[in-house]
Amino acid sequence: MIDERRIKKKVNEIMRKFEYKLLTINVNHLKKEKFQIELDEKFQKWGNEGWELIKMESITSGGMFFHGATTESFFAVFKREKL
């Protein structure tokens, strides 16, 4: 007879688990050289810690269907496997 609890436990042990980090970056900050340097250092540090940038999208306002829209910020998603 198959022990479902034992199988579920094994599957959970095998399945990889992840954690996520979310970051919103205002466009005005990107215009500042000091901020760009700090952001680069932060991204390098996170990369060394196993974080991977998996998605980055612009957040816009105004306009219709991006016609005349203005980018206000960027939304970034990082992921790494839980240890």
Protein backbone atom coordinates (compact mmCIF):
# COMPACT_ATOMS: atom_id res chain seq x y z
CA MET A 1 0.00 0.00 0.00
CA ILE A 2 1.23 3.51 -0.88
CA ASP A 3 1.84 5.84 2.06
CA GLU A 4 0.71 9.24 0.70
CA ARG A 5 2.14 11.17 3.64
CA ARG A 6 5.56 9.69 3.02
CA ILE A 7 5.37 10.54 -0.69
CA LYS A 8 4.29 14.14 0.04
CA LYS A 9 7.14 14.51 2.51
CA LYS A 10 9.65 13.26 -0.11
CA VAL A 11 8.22 15.60 -2.77
CA ASN A 12 8.54 18.57 -0.40
CA GLU A 13 12.15 17.63 0.30
CA ILE A 14 12.91 17.47 -3.44
CA MET A 15 11.02 20.62 -4.52
CA ARG A 16 13.17 23.71 -4.68
CA LYS A 17 11.96 26.68 -2.65
CA PHE A 18 12.63 30.32 -3.47
CA GLU A 19 12.53 33.68 -1.78
CA TYR A 20 11.91 36.99 -3.52
CA LYS A 21 13.04 40.59 -3.18
CA LEU A 22 11.03 43.46 -4.70
CA LEU A 23 12.45 46.88 -5.51
CA THR A 24 10.90 50.05 -6.92
CA ILE A 25 13.32 52.56 -8.41
CA ASN A 26 12.20 56.13 -9.08
CA VAL A 27 13.39 57.49 -12.44
CA ASN A 28 14.53 60.75 -10.82
CA HIS A 29 17.00 58.81 -8.68
CA LEU A 30 18.51 57.20 -11.78
CA LYS A 31 19.58 60.63 -12.99
CA LYS A 32 21.90 61.00 -9.98
CA GLU A 33 25.37 59.52 -10.50
CA LYS A 34 25.82 58.72 -6.79
CA PHE A 35 22.56 56.74 -6.78
CA GLN A 36 23.62 54.81 -9.90
CA ILE A 37 26.91 53.86 -8.23
CA GLU A 38 25.11 52.78 -5.03
CA LEU A 39 22.56 50.79 -7.04
CA ASP A 40 25.32 49.05 -8.99
CA GLU A 41 27.09 48.14 -5.74
CA LYS A 42 23.82 46.84 -4.27
CA PHE A 43 23.08 44.73 -7.37
CA GLN A 44 26.62 43.31 -7.29
CA LYS A 45 26.24 42.45 -3.58
CA TRP A 46 22.88 40.79 -4.15
CA GLY A 47 24.29 38.84 -7.11
CA ASN A 48 27.12 37.56 -4.90
CA GLU A 49 24.49 36.51 -2.35
CA GLY A 50 22.70 34.42 -4.99
CA TRP A 51 19.96 36.89 -5.98
CA GLU A 52 19.01 36.89 -9.66
CA LEU A 53 17.14 39.73 -11.38
CA ILE A 54 14.24 37.90 -13.04
CA LYS A 55 11.97 40.76 -14.07
CA MET A 56 12.13 44.52 -14.52
CA GLU A 57 9.25 46.62 -15.80
CA SER A 58 8.60 50.30 -16.17
CA ILE A 59 5.72 51.92 -14.29
CA THR A 60 4.14 54.63 -16.40
CA SER A 61 1.50 57.30 -15.97
CA GLY A 62 -0.58 59.34 -18.34
CA GLY A 63 -1.29 58.56 -21.95
CA MET A 64 -3.38 55.76 -23.34
CA PHE A 65 -1.87 52.42 -24.28
CA PHE A 66 1.60 53.91 -23.74
CA HIS A 67 0.96 56.74 -26.24
CA GLY A 68 2.10 59.85 -24.41
CA ALA A 69 2.86 57.88 -21.25
CA THR A 70 5.69 58.91 -18.95
CA THR A 71 7.90 56.42 -17.12
CA GLU A 72 7.94 57.29 -13.42
CA SER A 73 9.74 54.30 -11.96
CA PHE A 74 10.90 50.75 -12.50
CA PHE A 75 9.79 47.66 -10.63
CA ALA A 76 12.41 44.92 -10.20
CA VAL A 77 11.97 41.36 -8.93
CA PHE A 78 14.88 39.30 -7.64
CA LYS A 79 14.81 35.62 -6.74
CA ARG A 80 17.13 33.14 -5.08
CA GLU A 81 16.83 29.58 -3.93
CA LYS A 82 16.24 29.13 -0.20
CA LEU A 83 19.05 27.32 1.50
